[in-house]
Amino acid sequence: MVAQRQVPLRGTLRYHEPMSKHTSWRVGGVADSYYRPADVEDLANYLSQLPVADAITWVGLGSNLLVRDGGIRGSVIATSGVLNGLEKRLDNTVWVEAGVACAKVARFTARQALQGAEFLTGIPGTMGGALAMNAGAFGGETWDVVSAVQTIDRDGRIRCRSPDEFQIAYRRVCGPEKEWFVAAELTLQCGDAAASLVKIKECLNQRRHTQPIQQPNAGSVFKNPEGDYAARLIDICGLKGCCEGAACVSDKHANFIINTGQATAADIEALINHVALIVERQLGVKLQREVKIVGEVLT
């Protein structure tokens, strides 16, 4: 039997890549391998060649993600800036690939005189991450505007799926196992470009005044409990300014943890756990983490 010839990869493959270069907290150990695919077809080729035992971790802009100091075993696949297709198709439909920044989608759709995606300007990540967790901001959620998605599996097979094939909830999406999002179709309403751009500017101003966007952070650390806000609970427990090493709860927004300089992932994780413990002890509320933690503890 003749062995099947492997198709050459067209993307960029690196070994022992420091994840601190690719996360918004600027922390994290090295990834065994780190791949930036050239496009969706190249991604499919890469996945089909990966050893079955290799774990896969997906990274967009590195927000909403804490990589532990011991790094990531297996393969990291980076989508930001490479899976960057973004185009208007029908009168009110936009096709966007997983590596496009959410804020870019908001601006693009506004300039196309489409409304309904302005809230995306408040999500500091890519569309792939937004799809995976039903990210939201300013009263809107990602899957409110999704009419179809494209997924890829471990063997590199690409499928088109409808929202009906997924269970969508607050910051939670469940669908077919071992499939990941590579693109989505957004269906919006026809609107006024100038009005949408004004709304985006207002959202950005609100974000600038209420969030510590000038300091390394990963966005909201905890999900909001039903009928309440995690930031309010953390604040009334007196935790603003609380630190573990160089990781501190922001004085500007209590649901943000900032890296004040030389924080480690261990500092940040310890502070996350401390905040959750104090809120549960004082208020009886068990906060659920929104930030995803991956990788190995440094030993």
C-alpha atoms as a PDB file:
ATOM      1  CA  MET A   1       0.000   0.000   0.000  1.00  0.00           C
ATOM      2  CA  VAL A   2       1.404   3.387  -1.031  1.00  0.00           C
ATOM      3  CA  ALA A   3       1.489   5.998   1.752  1.00  0.00           C
ATOM      4  CA  GLN A   4      -0.506   9.151   1.044  1.00  0.00           C
ATOM      5  CA  ARG A   5       1.725  12.130   0.370  1.00  0.00           C
ATOM      6  CA  GLN A   6       1.322  15.006   2.824  1.00  0.00           C
ATOM      7  CA  VAL A   7       0.484  18.402   1.371  1.00  0.00           C
ATOM      8  CA  PRO A   8       3.100  21.026   2.411  1.00  0.00           C
ATOM      9  CA  LEU A   9       1.978  23.542   5.003  1.00  0.00           C
ATOM     10  CA  ARG A  10       1.783  27.193   3.954  1.00  0.00           C
ATOM     11  CA  GLY A  11       1.447  28.768   7.388  1.00  0.00           C
ATOM     12  CA  THR A  12       4.034  29.553  10.063  1.00  0.00           C
ATOM     13  CA  LEU A  13       5.003  26.864  12.567  1.00  0.00           C
ATOM     14  CA  ARG A  14       7.068  27.723  15.652  1.00  0.00           C
ATOM     15  CA  TYR A  15       8.255  25.565  18.539  1.00  0.00           C
ATOM     16  CA  HIS A  16       8.575  26.583  22.204  1.00  0.00           C
ATOM     17  CA  GLU A  17       6.708  29.825  21.550  1.00  0.00           C
ATOM     18  CA  PRO A  18       6.296  32.132  24.603  1.00  0.00           C
ATOM     19  CA  MET A  19       2.565  32.622  25.100  1.00  0.00           C
ATOM     20  CA  SER A  20       3.209  35.853  27.015  1.00  0.00           C
ATOM     21  CA  LYS A  21       3.612  37.397  23.540  1.00  0.00           C
ATOM     22  CA  HIS A  22       0.109  36.330  22.561  1.00  0.00           C
ATOM     23  CA  THR A  23      -2.100  36.975  25.586  1.00  0.00           C
ATOM     24  CA  SER A  24      -3.605  40.276  26.679  1.00  0.00           C
ATOM     25  CA  TRP A  25      -2.456  39.686  30.284  1.00  0.00           C
ATOM     26  CA  ARG A  26       1.106  39.309  28.885  1.00  0.00           C
ATOM     27  CA  VAL A  27       1.768  36.188  30.914  1.00  0.00           C
ATOM     28  CA  GLY A  28       2.123  32.492  30.159  1.00  0.00           C
ATOM     29  CA  GLY A  29       4.747  29.846  29.530  1.00  0.00           C
ATOM     30  CA  VAL A  30       5.774  28.362  26.195  1.00  0.00           C
ATOM     31  CA  ALA A  31       3.628  26.370  23.795  1.00  0.00           C
ATOM     32  CA  ASP A  32       5.131  23.135  22.471  1.00  0.00           C
ATOM     33  CA  SER A  33       4.097  24.227  18.970  1.00  0.00           C
ATOM     34  CA  TYR A  34       2.379  27.347  17.662  1.00  0.00           C
ATOM     35  CA  TYR A  35       0.822  27.472  14.194  1.00  0.00           C
ATOM     36  CA  ARG A  36      -0.522  30.442  12.220  1.00  0.00           C
ATOM     37  CA  PRO A  37      -2.369  28.982   9.227  1.00  0.00           C
ATOM     38  CA  ALA A  38      -2.287  30.738   5.871  1.00  0.00           C
ATOM     39  CA  ASP A  39      -6.059  30.324   5.440  1.00  0.00           C
ATOM     40  CA  VAL A  40      -8.887  27.894   6.214  1.00  0.00           C
ATOM     41  CA  GLU A  41      -7.673  25.337   3.662  1.00  0.00           C
ATOM     42  CA  ASP A  42      -4.173  25.391   5.136  1.00  0.00           C
ATOM     43  CA  LEU A  43      -5.686  25.027   8.615  1.00  0.00           C
ATOM     44  CA  ALA A  44      -7.575  21.947   7.435  1.00  0.00           C
ATOM     45  CA  ASN A  45      -4.324  20.515   6.074  1.00  0.00           C
ATOM     46  CA  TYR A  46      -2.491  21.195   9.343  1.00  0.00           C
ATOM     47  CA  LEU A  47      -5.200  19.575  11.464  1.00  0.00           C
ATOM     48  CA  SER A  48      -5.277  16.496   9.254  1.00  0.00           C
ATOM     49  CA  GLN A  49      -1.524  16.019   9.807  1.00  0.00           C
ATOM     50  CA  LEU A  50      -1.509  16.463  13.597  1.00  0.00           C
ATOM     51  CA  PRO A  51      -0.846  13.351  15.690  1.00  0.00           C
ATOM     52  CA  VAL A  52      -4.049  12.081  17.268  1.00  0.00           C
ATOM     53  CA  ALA A  53      -2.568  12.424  20.762  1.00  0.00           C
ATOM     54  CA  ASP A  54      -1.754  16.136  20.374  1.00  0.00           C
ATOM     55  CA  ALA A  55      -4.014  18.452  22.342  1.00  0.00           C
ATOM     56  CA  ILE A  56      -5.228  21.565  20.515  1.00  0.00           C
ATOM     57  CA  THR A  57      -5.622  25.040  22.008  1.00  0.00           C
ATOM     58  CA  TRP A  58      -7.094  27.904  19.982  1.00  0.00           C
ATOM     59  CA  VAL A  59      -5.982  31.505  20.468  1.00  0.00           C
ATOM     60  CA  GLY A  60      -7.319  34.673  18.906  1.00  0.00           C
ATOM     61  CA  LEU A  61      -6.278  37.996  20.416  1.00  0.00           C
ATOM     62  CA  GLY A  62      -5.433  36.254  23.694  1.00  0.00           C
ATOM     63  CA  SER A  63      -8.128  38.010  25.691  1.00  0.00           C
ATOM     64  CA  ASN A  64     -10.394  36.091  28.075  1.00  0.00           C
ATOM     65  CA  LEU A  65      -7.508  33.630  28.402  1.00  0.00           C
ATOM     66  CA  LEU A  66      -5.007  32.820  31.133  1.00  0.00           C
ATOM     67  CA  VAL A  67      -2.097  30.608  30.101  1.00  0.00           C
ATOM     68  CA  ARG A  68      -0.360  29.113  33.113  1.00  0.00           C
ATOM     69  CA  ASP A  69       3.377  29.618  33.628  1.00  0.00           C
ATOM     70  CA  GLY A  70       4.214  26.006  32.747  1.00  0.00           C
ATOM     71  CA  GLY A  71       2.985  26.571  29.204  1.00  0.00           C
ATOM     72  CA  ILE A  72       0.801  24.529  26.867  1.00  0.00           C
ATOM     73  CA  ARG A  73       1.449  20.980  25.770  1.00  0.00           C
ATOM     74  CA  GLY A  74       0.412  20.035  22.272  1.00  0.00           C
ATOM     75  CA  SER A  75      -0.438  22.509  19.553  1.00  0.00           C
ATOM     76  CA  VAL A  76      -1.637  26.107  19.749  1.00  0.00           C
ATOM     77  CA  ILE A  77      -3.470  27.368  16.666  1.00  0.00           C
ATOM     78  CA  ALA A  78      -3.510  31.154  16.257  1.00  0.00           C
ATOM     79  CA  THR A  79      -6.294  32.688  14.174  1.00  0.00           C
ATOM     80  CA  SER A  80      -5.893  36.443  14.701  1.00  0.00           C
ATOM     81  CA  GLY A  81      -4.791  38.271  11.579  1.00  0.00           C
ATOM     82  CA  VAL A  82      -4.768  35.133   9.430  1.00  0.00           C
ATOM     83  CA  LEU A  83      -8.362  33.892   9.273  1.00  0.00           C
ATOM     84  CA  ASN A  84      -9.337  37.434   8.369  1.00  0.00           C
ATOM     85  CA  GLY A  85     -12.011  37.201   5.689  1.00  0.00           C
ATOM     86  CA  LEU A  86     -14.735  39.842   6.066  1.00  0.00           C
ATOM     87  CA  GLU A  87     -17.251  40.698   3.364  1.00  0.00           C
ATOM     88  CA  LYS A  88     -20.795  41.844   2.798  1.00  0.00           C
ATOM     89  CA  ARG A  89     -22.776  39.338   0.764  1.00  0.00           C
ATOM     90  CA  LEU A  90     -26.505  39.874   0.522  1.00  0.00           C
ATOM     91  CA  ASP A  91     -28.202  43.161   1.373  1.00  0.00           C
ATOM     92  CA  ASN A  92     -28.009  42.550   5.121  1.00  0.00           C
ATOM     93  CA  THR A  93     -25.632  39.590   5.439  1.00  0.00           C
ATOM     94  CA  VAL A  94     -21.947  39.623   6.381  1.00  0.00           C
ATOM     95  CA  TRP A  95     -19.491  36.707   6.224  1.00  0.00           C
ATOM     96  CA  VAL A  96     -16.669  36.875   8.771  1.00  0.00           C
ATOM     97  CA  GLU A  97     -13.835  34.480   9.567  1.00  0.00           C
ATOM     98  CA  ALA A  98     -12.806  33.532  13.092  1.00  0.00           C
ATOM     99  CA  GLY A  99      -9.616  35.605  13.278  1.00  0.00           C
ATOM    100  CA  VAL A 100     -11.261  38.991  12.662  1.00  0.00           C
ATOM    101  CA  ALA A 101     -11.365  41.273  15.693  1.00  0.00           C
ATOM    102  CA  CYS A 102     -14.903  41.891  16.944  1.00  0.00           C
ATOM    103  CA  ALA A 103     -14.320  45.651  16.965  1.00  0.00           C
ATOM    104  CA  LYS A 104     -13.388  45.514  13.274  1.00  0.00           C
ATOM    105  CA  VAL A 105     -16.655  43.703  12.509  1.00  0.00           C
ATOM    106  CA  ALA A 106     -18.579  46.424  14.338  1.00  0.00           C
ATOM    107  CA  ARG A 107     -16.940  49.187  12.299  1.00  0.00           C
ATOM    108  CA  PHE A 108     -17.263  47.319   9.008  1.00  0.00           C
ATOM    109  CA  THR A 109     -20.960  46.594   9.403  1.00  0.00           C
ATOM    110  CA  ALA A 110     -21.687  50.162  10.497  1.00  0.00           C
ATOM    111  CA  ARG A 111     -19.991  51.544   7.385  1.00  0.00           C
ATOM    112  CA  GLN A 112     -22.109  49.167   5.310  1.00  0.00           C
ATOM    113  CA  ALA A 113     -25.210  50.841   6.812  1.00  0.00           C
ATOM    114  CA  LEU A 114     -26.071  47.679   8.749  1.00  0.00           C
ATOM    115  CA  GLN A 115     -27.179  47.868  12.368  1.00  0.00           C
ATOM    116  CA  GLY A 116     -27.265  45.339  15.179  1.00  0.00           C
ATOM    117  CA  ALA A 117     -23.559  44.542  15.562  1.00  0.00           C
ATOM    118  CA  GLU A 118     -22.424  47.790  17.191  1.00  0.00           C
ATOM    119  CA  PHE A 119     -22.091  46.010  20.552  1.00  0.00           C
ATOM    120  CA  LEU A 120     -19.197  43.964  19.153  1.00  0.00           C
ATOM    121  CA  THR A 121     -16.953  47.002  19.585  1.00  0.00           C
ATOM    122  CA  GLY A 122     -16.980  46.266  23.331  1.00  0.00           C
ATOM    123  CA  ILE A 123     -15.648  42.704  22.967  1.00  0.00           C
ATOM    124  CA  PRO A 124     -11.822  42.654  23.116  1.00  0.00           C
ATOM    125  CA  GLY A 125     -11.374  39.470  21.124  1.00  0.00           C
ATOM    126  CA  THR A 126     -11.911  37.783  17.778  1.00  0.00           C
ATOM    127  CA  MET A 127     -15.108  36.399  16.288  1.00  0.00           C
ATOM    128  CA  GLY A 128     -13.935  32.831  16.903  1.00  0.00           C
ATOM    129  CA  GLY A 129     -13.784  33.406  20.635  1.00  0.00           C
ATOM    130  CA  ALA A 130     -17.013  35.389  20.593  1.00  0.00           C
ATOM    131  CA  LEU A 131     -18.797  32.504  18.888  1.00  0.00           C
ATOM    132  CA  ALA A 132     -17.334  29.926  21.262  1.00  0.00           C
ATOM    133  CA  MET A 133     -18.583  31.692  24.409  1.00  0.00           C
ATOM    134  CA  ASN A 134     -21.485  33.805  23.122  1.00  0.00           C
ATOM    135  CA  ALA A 135     -19.571  36.919  24.135  1.00  0.00           C
ATOM    136  CA  GLY A 136     -21.560  40.045  24.792  1.00  0.00           C
ATOM    137  CA  ALA A 137     -21.314  43.732  25.611  1.00  0.00           C
ATOM    138  CA  PHE A 138     -23.604  46.736  25.952  1.00  0.00           C
ATOM    139  CA  GLY A 139     -26.730  44.566  26.035  1.00  0.00           C
ATOM    140  CA  GLY A 140     -25.966  42.528  22.901  1.00  0.00           C
ATOM    141  CA  GLU A 141     -24.760  38.941  22.497  1.00  0.00           C
ATOM    142  CA  THR A 142     -22.902  37.370  19.590  1.00  0.00           C
ATOM    143  CA  TRP A 143     -25.416  34.691  18.709  1.00  0.00           C
ATOM    144  CA  ASP A 144     -28.225  37.265  18.524  1.00  0.00           C
ATOM    145  CA  VAL A 145     -26.944  38.109  15.035  1.00  0.00           C
ATOM    146  CA  VAL A 146     -25.590  34.716  13.853  1.00  0.00           C
ATOM    147  CA  SER A 147     -27.539  32.998  11.080  1.00  0.00           C
ATOM    148  CA  ALA A 148     -24.991  30.287  10.152  1.00  0.00           C
ATOM    149  CA  VAL A 149     -21.524  29.098  11.108  1.00  0.00           C
ATOM    150  CA  GLN A 150     -18.706  27.190   9.494  1.00  0.00           C
ATOM    151  CA  THR A 151     -16.836  24.662  11.627  1.00  0.00           C
ATOM    152  CA  ILE A 152     -13.784  22.481  11.235  1.00  0.00           C
ATOM    153  CA  ASP A 153     -13.031  19.173  12.927  1.00  0.00           C
ATOM    154  CA  ARG A 154      -9.880  17.327  13.979  1.00  0.00           C
ATOM    155  CA  ASP A 155      -9.564  15.693  10.554  1.00  0.00           C
ATOM    156  CA  GLY A 156      -9.822  19.026   8.750  1.00  0.00           C
ATOM    157  CA  ARG A 157     -13.378  18.504   7.539  1.00  0.00           C
ATOM    158  CA  ILE A 158     -15.331  21.734   7.107  1.00  0.00           C
ATOM    159  CA  ARG A 159     -19.079  21.905   7.741  1.00  0.00           C
ATOM    160  CA  CYS A 160     -21.773  24.559   7.568  1.00  0.00           C
ATOM    161  CA  ARG A 161     -24.187  24.513  10.508  1.00  0.00           C
ATOM    162  CA  SER A 162     -27.211  26.477  11.647  1.00  0.00           C
ATOM    163  CA  PRO A 163     -27.747  28.004  15.105  1.00  0.00           C
ATOM    164  CA  ASP A 164     -30.411  25.339  15.727  1.00  0.00           C
ATOM    165  CA  GLU A 165     -27.608  22.784  16.045  1.00  0.00           C
ATOM    166  CA  PHE A 166     -26.188  24.534  19.122  1.00  0.00           C
ATOM    167  CA  GLN A 167     -27.377  25.152  22.663  1.00  0.00           C
ATOM    168  CA  ILE A 168     -26.876  28.870  23.271  1.00  0.00           C
ATOM    169  CA  ALA A 169     -26.917  30.452  26.724  1.00  0.00           C
ATOM    170  CA  TYR A 170     -25.294  33.303  28.627  1.00  0.00           C
ATOM    171  CA  ARG A 171     -21.543  32.991  27.956  1.00  0.00           C
ATOM    172  CA  ARG A 172     -22.003  29.354  26.992  1.00  0.00           C
ATOM    173  CA  VAL A 173     -22.291  27.504  23.680  1.00  0.00           C
ATOM    174  CA  CYS A 174     -22.613  23.722  23.289  1.00  0.00           C
ATOM    175  CA  GLY A 175     -22.560  22.002  19.926  1.00  0.00           C
ATOM    176  CA  PRO A 176     -21.049  19.071  18.047  1.00  0.00           C
ATOM    177  CA  GLU A 177     -17.966  17.742  19.836  1.00  0.00           C
ATOM    178  CA  LYS A 178     -14.471  18.200  18.405  1.00  0.00           C
ATOM    179  CA  GLU A 179     -15.552  20.972  16.037  1.00  0.00           C
ATOM    180  CA  TRP A 180     -14.324  24.553  16.147  1.00  0.00           C
ATOM    181  CA  PHE A 181     -15.631  27.742  14.575  1.00  0.00           C
ATOM    182  CA  VAL A 182     -13.799  29.110  11.552  1.00  0.00           C
ATOM    183  CA  ALA A 183     -16.398  31.536  10.184  1.00  0.00           C
ATOM    184  CA  ALA A 184     -19.913  32.859  10.664  1.00  0.00           C
ATOM    185  CA  GLU A 185     -22.693  34.499   8.713  1.00  0.00           C
ATOM    186  CA  LEU A 186     -24.234  37.489  10.466  1.00  0.00           C
ATOM    187  CA  THR A 187     -27.681  38.717   9.506  1.00  0.00           C
ATOM    188  CA  LEU A 188     -28.310  42.342  10.473  1.00  0.00           C
ATOM    189  CA  GLN A 189     -30.849  45.076   9.898  1.00  0.00           C
ATOM    190  CA  CYS A 190     -30.521  47.799   7.296  1.00  0.00           C
ATOM    191  CA  GLY A 191     -29.802  51.059   9.078  1.00  0.00           C
ATOM    192  CA  ASP A 192     -27.995  54.359   8.973  1.00  0.00           C
ATOM    193  CA  ALA A 193     -24.192  54.304   8.806  1.00  0.00           C
ATOM    194  CA  ALA A 194     -23.733  57.637  10.565  1.00  0.00           C
ATOM    195  CA  ALA A 195     -26.036  56.647  13.425  1.00  0.00           C
ATOM    196  CA  SER A 196     -24.280  53.287  13.878  1.00  0.00           C
ATOM    197  CA  LEU A 197     -20.847  54.939  13.930  1.00  0.00           C
ATOM    198  CA  VAL A 198     -22.072  57.382  16.573  1.00  0.00           C
ATOM    199  CA  LYS A 199     -23.330  54.467  18.656  1.00  0.00           C
ATOM    200  CA  ILE A 200     -19.941  52.744  18.334  1.00  0.00           C
ATOM    201  CA  LYS A 201     -18.191  55.933  19.453  1.00  0.00           C
ATOM    202  CA  GLU A 202     -20.488  56.129  22.479  1.00  0.00           C
ATOM    203  CA  CYS A 203     -19.708  52.492  23.357  1.00  0.00           C
ATOM    204  CA  LEU A 204     -15.978  53.153  23.075  1.00  0.00           C
ATOM    205  CA  ASN A 205     -16.238  56.227  25.289  1.00  0.00           C
ATOM    206  CA  GLN A 206     -18.171  54.258  27.899  1.00  0.00           C
ATOM    207  CA  ARG A 207     -15.569  51.487  27.783  1.00  0.00           C
ATOM    208  CA  ARG A 208     -12.728  53.997  28.095  1.00  0.00           C
ATOM    209  CA  HIS A 209     -14.278  55.604  31.162  1.00  0.00           C
ATOM    210  CA  THR A 210     -15.300  52.422  32.966  1.00  0.00           C
ATOM    211  CA  GLN A 211     -12.618  49.838  32.121  1.00  0.00           C
ATOM    212  CA  PRO A 212      -8.818  49.778  32.611  1.00  0.00           C
ATOM    213  CA  ILE A 213      -8.102  49.431  28.900  1.00  0.00           C
ATOM    214  CA  GLN A 214      -4.641  51.025  29.192  1.00  0.00           C
ATOM    215  CA  GLN A 215      -3.367  48.220  31.435  1.00  0.00           C
ATOM    216  CA  PRO A 216      -2.874  44.530  30.578  1.00  0.00           C
ATOM    217  CA  ASN A 217      -6.096  42.652  31.353  1.00  0.00           C
ATOM    218  CA  ALA A 218      -8.251  39.906  29.892  1.00  0.00           C
ATOM    219  CA  GLY A 219     -11.671  41.521  30.055  1.00  0.00           C
ATOM    220  CA  SER A 220     -14.320  40.494  32.565  1.00  0.00           C
ATOM    221  CA  VAL A 221     -13.010  37.775  34.862  1.00  0.00           C
ATOM    222  CA  PHE A 222     -16.347  36.491  36.188  1.00  0.00           C
ATOM    223  CA  LYS A 223     -19.772  36.004  34.657  1.00  0.00           C
ATOM    224  CA  ASN A 224     -22.528  38.213  35.998  1.00  0.00           C
ATOM    225  CA  PRO A 225     -24.815  36.273  38.354  1.00  0.00           C
ATOM    226  CA  GLU A 226     -28.451  36.315  37.296  1.00  0.00           C
ATOM    227  CA  GLY A 227     -29.976  39.666  38.192  1.00  0.00           C
ATOM    228  CA  ASP A 228     -26.731  41.147  39.466  1.00  0.00           C
ATOM    229  CA  TYR A 229     -23.234  42.219  38.471  1.00  0.00           C
ATOM    230  CA  ALA A 230     -20.006  40.510  39.467  1.00  0.00           C
ATOM    231  CA  ALA A 231     -18.268  43.891  39.679  1.00  0.00           C
ATOM    232  CA  ARG A 232     -20.799  45.167  42.218  1.00  0.00           C
ATOM    233  CA  LEU A 233     -20.369  42.112  44.428  1.00  0.00           C
ATOM    234  CA  ILE A 234     -16.574  42.290  44.286  1.00  0.00           C
ATOM    235  CA  ASP A 235     -16.667  46.006  45.047  1.00  0.00           C
ATOM    236  CA  ILE A 236     -18.911  45.749  48.113  1.00  0.00           C
ATOM    237  CA  CYS A 237     -16.571  43.080  49.482  1.00  0.00           C
ATOM    238  CA  GLY A 238     -13.854  45.743  49.479  1.00  0.00           C
ATOM    239  CA  LEU A 239     -11.683  43.940  46.952  1.00  0.00           C
ATOM    240  CA  LYS A 240     -10.842  46.805  44.618  1.00  0.00           C
ATOM    241  CA  GLY A 241      -7.072  47.258  44.721  1.00  0.00           C
ATOM    242  CA  CYS A 242      -6.528  43.809  46.260  1.00  0.00           C
ATOM    243  CA  CYS A 243      -3.318  42.246  44.908  1.00  0.00           C
ATOM    244  CA  GLU A 244      -1.481  38.948  44.640  1.00  0.00           C
ATOM    245  CA  GLY A 245       2.060  39.751  43.587  1.00  0.00           C
ATOM    246  CA  ALA A 246       1.776  42.194  40.682  1.00  0.00           C
ATOM    247  CA  ALA A 247      -1.780  41.117  39.799  1.00  0.00           C
ATOM    248  CA  CYS A 248      -4.414  43.502  41.164  1.00  0.00           C
ATOM    249  CA  VAL A 249      -8.170  43.970  41.083  1.00  0.00           C
ATOM    250  CA  SER A 250      -8.703  47.155  39.097  1.00  0.00           C
ATOM    251  CA  ASP A 251      -9.752  50.283  40.999  1.00  0.00           C
ATOM    252  CA  LYS A 252     -11.661  51.313  37.886  1.00  0.00           C
ATOM    253  CA  HIS A 253     -13.728  48.156  37.376  1.00  0.00           C
ATOM    254  CA  ALA A 254     -13.845  45.450  40.040  1.00  0.00           C
ATOM    255  CA  ASN A 255     -14.429  42.617  37.552  1.00  0.00           C
ATOM    256  CA  PHE A 256     -11.102  43.297  35.869  1.00  0.00           C
ATOM    257  CA  ILE A 257      -7.726  42.029  37.060  1.00  0.00           C
ATOM    258  CA  ILE A 258      -4.721  43.941  35.764  1.00  0.00           C
ATOM    259  CA  ASN A 259      -1.067  43.060  35.389  1.00  0.00           C
ATOM    260  CA  THR A 260       0.669  46.018  37.016  1.00  0.00           C
ATOM    261  CA  GLY A 261       4.092  45.040  35.700  1.00  0.00           C
ATOM    262  CA  GLN A 262       5.677  41.674  36.379  1.00  0.00           C
ATOM    263  CA  ALA A 263       2.703  39.527  37.350  1.00  0.00           C
ATOM    264  CA  THR A 264       2.871  35.801  36.719  1.00  0.00           C
ATOM    265  CA  ALA A 265      -0.014  33.621  35.661  1.00  0.00           C
ATOM    266  CA  ALA A 266       0.171  32.077  39.138  1.00  0.00           C
ATOM    267  CA  ASP A 267      -0.377  35.537  40.673  1.00  0.00           C
ATOM    268  CA  ILE A 268      -3.432  36.111  38.510  1.00  0.00           C
ATOM    269  CA  GLU A 269      -4.937  32.678  39.155  1.00  0.00           C
ATOM    270  CA  ALA A 270      -4.381  33.042  42.904  1.00  0.00           C
ATOM    271  CA  LEU A 271      -6.150  36.416  42.847  1.00  0.00           C
ATOM    272  CA  ILE A 272      -9.069  35.007  40.844  1.00  0.00           C
ATOM    273  CA  ASN A 273      -9.493  32.239  43.414  1.00  0.00           C
ATOM    274  CA  HIS A 274      -9.153  34.674  46.322  1.00  0.00           C
ATOM    275  CA  VAL A 275     -11.815  37.021  44.948  1.00  0.00           C
ATOM    276  CA  ALA A 276     -14.240  34.139  44.373  1.00  0.00           C
ATOM    277  CA  LEU A 277     -13.628  32.812  47.891  1.00  0.00           C
ATOM    278  CA  ILE A 278     -14.199  36.174  49.605  1.00  0.00           C
ATOM    279  CA  VAL A 279     -17.400  36.912  47.651  1.00  0.00           C
ATOM    280  CA  GLU A 280     -18.784  33.484  48.521  1.00  0.00           C
ATOM    281  CA  ARG A 281     -17.845  33.839  52.185  1.00  0.00           C
ATOM    282  CA  GLN A 282     -19.238  37.334  52.621  1.00  0.00           C
ATOM    283  CA  LEU A 283     -22.266  37.258  50.301  1.00  0.00           C
ATOM    284  CA  GLY A 284     -23.021  33.584  49.718  1.00  0.00           C
ATOM    285  CA  VAL A 285     -22.695  34.031  45.945  1.00  0.00           C
ATOM    286  CA  LYS A 286     -20.519  31.588  44.019  1.00  0.00           C
ATOM    287  CA  LEU A 287     -19.024  33.520  41.118  1.00  0.00           C
ATOM    288  CA  GLN A 288     -18.498  31.591  37.892  1.00  0.00           C
ATOM    289  CA  ARG A 289     -15.308  32.300  36.020  1.00  0.00           C
ATOM    290  CA  GLU A 290     -15.625  33.757  32.527  1.00  0.00           C
ATOM    291  CA  VAL A 291     -11.897  33.672  31.808  1.00  0.00           C
ATOM    292  CA  LYS A 292     -10.609  30.389  30.406  1.00  0.00           C
ATOM    293  CA  ILE A 293      -7.523  28.943  32.135  1.00  0.00           C
ATOM    294  CA  VAL A 294      -5.277  26.608  30.120  1.00  0.00           C
ATOM    295  CA  GLY A 295      -1.847  25.066  30.395  1.00  0.00           C
ATOM    296  CA  GLU A 296       0.375  23.597  33.060  1.00  0.00           C
ATOM    297  CA  VAL A 297       1.342  24.893  36.494  1.00  0.00           C
ATOM    298  CA  LEU A 298       5.043  25.697  36.654  1.00  0.00           C
ATOM    299  CA  THR A 299       6.843  23.201  38.907  1.00  0.00           C
END
